[in-house]
Amino acid sequence: MAIGPVQLIVLGFDHPDFHGEIIAELEKLRESDTVRVIDAMAVHKDAAGEIEVAHLSNLTAEEATEYGAKIGALIGLGFAGEEGMEEGAVLGAEAAADGVQVFDDEDAWDVLEEIPNDSAAALLLIEHHWAVGLRDAIARAGGFRLSDGFISPLDLIETGLVSAEEAAELHALETGAGR
């Protein structure tokens, strides 16, 4: 099966109050073959900036073995401690020797720095499986991605897609501005 476009989404939580709703929604998306959570982890950063990590996933055991801890590799955090980081470094070096481009310190996105002290974050590495056919059709037509990103609801007011009130509510939901 071809892999679809993959996106890393980082969600912040001041005072996490999980009741299983997020996992349930991800399961619905998985069952409909819309998205697949390749990897997920929860990060808690205490008031002093010390980090605790919990690995989460809705992958099958076979998929988990195939994909491993991909977020940790992307952000430079090994789940197996120093040994895991060393193994990752060896694999990265082998990939670079084979011509695969890997991030250097200047290019790396240190998402952990963005997490405020005394808060939590969920990092989701999501495959957009729904986009495989579209991406392939674009490539066959000679097209390629120039940029991507989420559009703020505030930017949708002028298009008429949402009212100013709806945009303000959605913006507050998406950014935690109403905390």
Protein backbone atom coordinates (compact mmCIF):
# COMPACT_ATOMS: atom_id res chain seq x y z
CA MET A 1 0.00 0.00 0.00
CA ALA A 2 1.30 3.48 -0.89
CA ILE A 3 1.83 5.85 1.99
CA GLY A 4 -0.05 9.12 1.86
CA PRO A 5 1.25 12.55 2.80
CA VAL A 6 2.44 12.56 6.42
CA GLN A 7 1.91 15.44 8.83
CA LEU A 8 3.16 16.10 12.35
CA ILE A 9 0.52 17.84 14.46
CA VAL A 10 1.43 19.17 17.89
CA LEU A 11 -1.44 19.90 20.27
CA GLY A 12 -0.96 21.75 23.54
CA PHE A 13 -2.82 21.17 26.81
CA ASP A 14 -2.61 23.42 29.87
CA HIS A 15 -4.50 21.03 32.12
CA PRO A 16 -5.16 17.78 30.23
CA ASP A 17 -8.55 16.26 30.96
CA PHE A 18 -8.69 13.22 28.71
CA HIS A 19 -11.81 11.08 28.54
CA GLY A 20 -10.98 8.99 25.47
CA GLU A 21 -12.70 11.32 23.00
CA ILE A 22 -9.56 12.10 21.00
CA ILE A 23 -8.63 8.43 20.62
CA ALA A 24 -12.24 7.62 19.65
CA GLU A 25 -12.17 10.24 16.88
CA LEU A 26 -8.82 8.98 15.60
CA GLU A 27 -10.25 5.44 15.56
CA LYS A 28 -13.20 6.63 13.44
CA LEU A 29 -10.79 8.18 10.95
CA ARG A 30 -8.73 5.00 10.89
CA GLU A 31 -11.79 2.78 10.35
CA SER A 32 -12.89 4.95 7.40
CA ASP A 33 -9.33 4.72 5.97
CA THR A 34 -9.14 8.52 5.99
CA VAL A 35 -6.06 8.88 8.18
CA ARG A 36 -3.73 6.58 10.01
CA VAL A 37 -1.85 7.52 13.15
CA ILE A 38 1.65 6.34 12.36
CA ASP A 39 2.94 7.35 15.76
CA ALA A 40 1.79 9.40 18.72
CA MET A 41 3.24 10.48 21.99
CA ALA A 42 2.26 12.56 24.97
CA VAL A 43 4.85 14.89 26.45
CA HIS A 44 4.60 16.52 29.87
CA LYS A 45 6.96 19.35 30.69
CA ASP A 46 7.08 20.24 34.38
CA ALA A 47 7.59 23.75 35.79
CA ALA A 48 11.39 23.29 35.60
CA GLY A 49 11.27 22.16 31.96
CA GLU A 50 11.93 18.48 32.67
CA ILE A 51 10.22 16.21 30.14
CA GLU A 52 8.27 12.96 30.59
CA VAL A 53 7.19 11.04 27.49
CA ALA A 54 4.47 8.44 27.02
CA HIS A 55 4.16 6.60 23.72
CA LEU A 56 0.63 6.34 22.31
CA SER A 57 -0.64 4.76 19.13
CA ASN A 58 -3.62 3.15 17.47
CA LEU A 59 -1.40 1.07 15.19
CA THR A 60 -1.70 -2.66 15.07
CA ALA A 61 1.26 -4.59 16.52
CA GLU A 62 2.48 -5.29 12.97
CA GLU A 63 2.27 -1.61 11.99
CA ALA A 64 4.01 -0.56 15.21
CA THR A 65 6.88 -2.89 14.40
CA GLU A 66 7.07 -1.56 10.84
CA TYR A 67 6.94 2.14 11.70
CA GLY A 68 8.56 2.22 15.13
CA ALA A 69 8.85 5.46 17.06
CA LYS A 70 8.87 7.85 14.12
CA ILE A 71 8.03 11.04 16.00
CA GLY A 72 10.98 10.46 18.30
CA ALA A 73 13.21 10.14 15.27
CA LEU A 74 11.78 13.31 13.71
CA ILE A 75 12.26 15.46 16.79
CA GLY A 76 15.40 13.81 18.10
CA LEU A 77 13.92 12.06 21.13
CA GLY A 78 14.62 8.37 21.64
CA PHE A 79 12.13 6.25 23.58
CA ALA A 80 14.83 3.78 24.50
CA GLY A 81 16.93 6.42 26.22
CA GLU A 82 20.54 6.92 25.23
CA GLU A 83 20.73 3.47 23.64
CA GLY A 84 17.74 4.27 21.43
CA MET A 85 19.23 7.60 20.43
CA GLU A 86 22.51 5.88 19.54
CA GLU A 87 20.66 3.31 17.43
CA GLY A 88 18.81 6.17 15.72
CA ALA A 89 22.08 7.96 15.04
CA VAL A 90 23.53 4.81 13.45
CA LEU A 91 20.45 4.38 11.26
CA GLY A 92 20.57 8.06 10.32
CA ALA A 93 24.24 7.80 9.38
CA GLU A 94 23.52 4.73 7.26
CA ALA A 95 20.66 6.56 5.55
CA ALA A 96 22.90 9.58 4.86
CA ALA A 97 25.56 7.27 3.42
CA ASP A 98 22.90 5.89 1.08
CA GLY A 99 22.09 9.44 -0.09
CA VAL A 100 19.04 10.03 2.09
CA GLN A 101 18.94 13.63 3.30
CA VAL A 102 18.70 13.94 7.09
CA PHE A 103 18.15 17.03 9.22
CA ASP A 104 21.13 18.74 10.74
CA ASP A 105 20.98 20.84 13.90
CA GLU A 106 20.31 24.04 11.94
CA ASP A 107 17.37 22.54 10.06
CA ALA A 108 15.81 20.48 12.83
CA TRP A 109 12.48 21.64 14.21
CA ASP A 110 12.82 21.41 17.96
CA VAL A 111 9.16 21.05 18.79
CA LEU A 112 9.96 20.22 22.41
CA GLU A 113 11.22 23.79 22.90
CA GLU A 114 7.81 25.08 21.82
CA ILE A 115 5.99 23.25 24.62
CA PRO A 116 5.56 25.67 27.54
CA ASN A 117 6.80 24.60 30.98
CA ASP A 118 4.10 23.18 33.26
CA SER A 119 1.97 21.93 30.37
CA ALA A 120 1.50 18.92 28.14
CA ALA A 121 1.43 18.22 24.43
CA ALA A 122 0.25 15.43 22.18
CA LEU A 123 2.33 14.83 19.07
CA LEU A 124 0.56 12.97 16.28
CA LEU A 125 2.29 11.73 13.16
CA ILE A 126 -0.63 11.25 10.80
CA GLU A 127 -0.73 9.74 7.34
CA HIS A 128 -3.40 11.35 5.15
CA HIS A 129 -4.36 8.17 3.35
CA TRP A 130 -7.29 9.89 1.64
CA ALA A 131 -4.75 11.99 -0.32
CA VAL A 132 -2.79 9.16 -1.98
CA GLY A 133 -4.78 9.18 -5.23
CA LEU A 134 -4.89 12.97 -5.42
CA ARG A 135 -1.15 13.32 -4.74
CA ASP A 136 -0.35 10.70 -7.39
CA ALA A 137 -2.63 12.37 -9.95
CA ILE A 138 -0.96 15.72 -9.29
CA ALA A 139 2.48 14.13 -9.75
CA ARG A 140 1.41 12.47 -13.02
CA ALA A 141 0.29 15.90 -14.25
CA GLY A 142 3.76 17.30 -13.43
CA GLY A 143 2.67 19.03 -10.24
CA PHE A 144 4.28 19.15 -6.81
CA ARG A 145 3.71 20.73 -3.41
CA LEU A 146 4.97 24.28 -3.03
CA SER A 147 3.62 24.91 0.44
CA ASP A 148 1.06 23.71 2.94
CA GLY A 149 -0.43 24.81 6.22
CA PHE A 150 -3.60 25.21 8.18
CA ILE A 151 -5.62 28.36 7.53
CA SER A 152 -6.78 30.34 10.55
CA PRO A 153 -10.55 30.66 10.86
CA LEU A 154 -9.97 34.42 11.16
CA ASP A 155 -8.70 34.39 7.57
CA LEU A 156 -11.91 32.77 6.37
CA ILE A 157 -14.20 35.67 7.27
CA GLU A 158 -13.56 37.61 4.07
CA THR A 159 -14.26 34.52 1.95
CA GLY A 160 -17.70 34.20 3.50
CA LEU A 161 -17.04 30.64 4.70
CA VAL A 162 -17.60 31.65 8.32
CA SER A 163 -19.03 34.65 10.14
CA ALA A 164 -16.85 36.82 12.39
CA GLU A 165 -18.50 35.24 15.44
CA GLU A 166 -17.91 31.69 14.16
CA ALA A 167 -14.31 32.54 13.26
CA ALA A 168 -13.63 33.96 16.71
CA GLU A 169 -15.08 30.84 18.36
CA LEU A 170 -13.11 28.49 16.09
CA HIS A 171 -9.91 30.49 16.55
CA ALA A 172 -10.31 30.29 20.33
CA LEU A 173 -10.89 26.51 20.09
CA GLU A 174 -7.89 25.93 17.81
CA THR A 175 -5.40 28.14 19.62
CA GLY A 176 -6.56 27.98 23.22
CA ALA A 177 -7.06 31.74 23.11
CA GLY A 178 -10.14 31.45 25.33
CA ARG A 179 -8.23 29.84 28.22
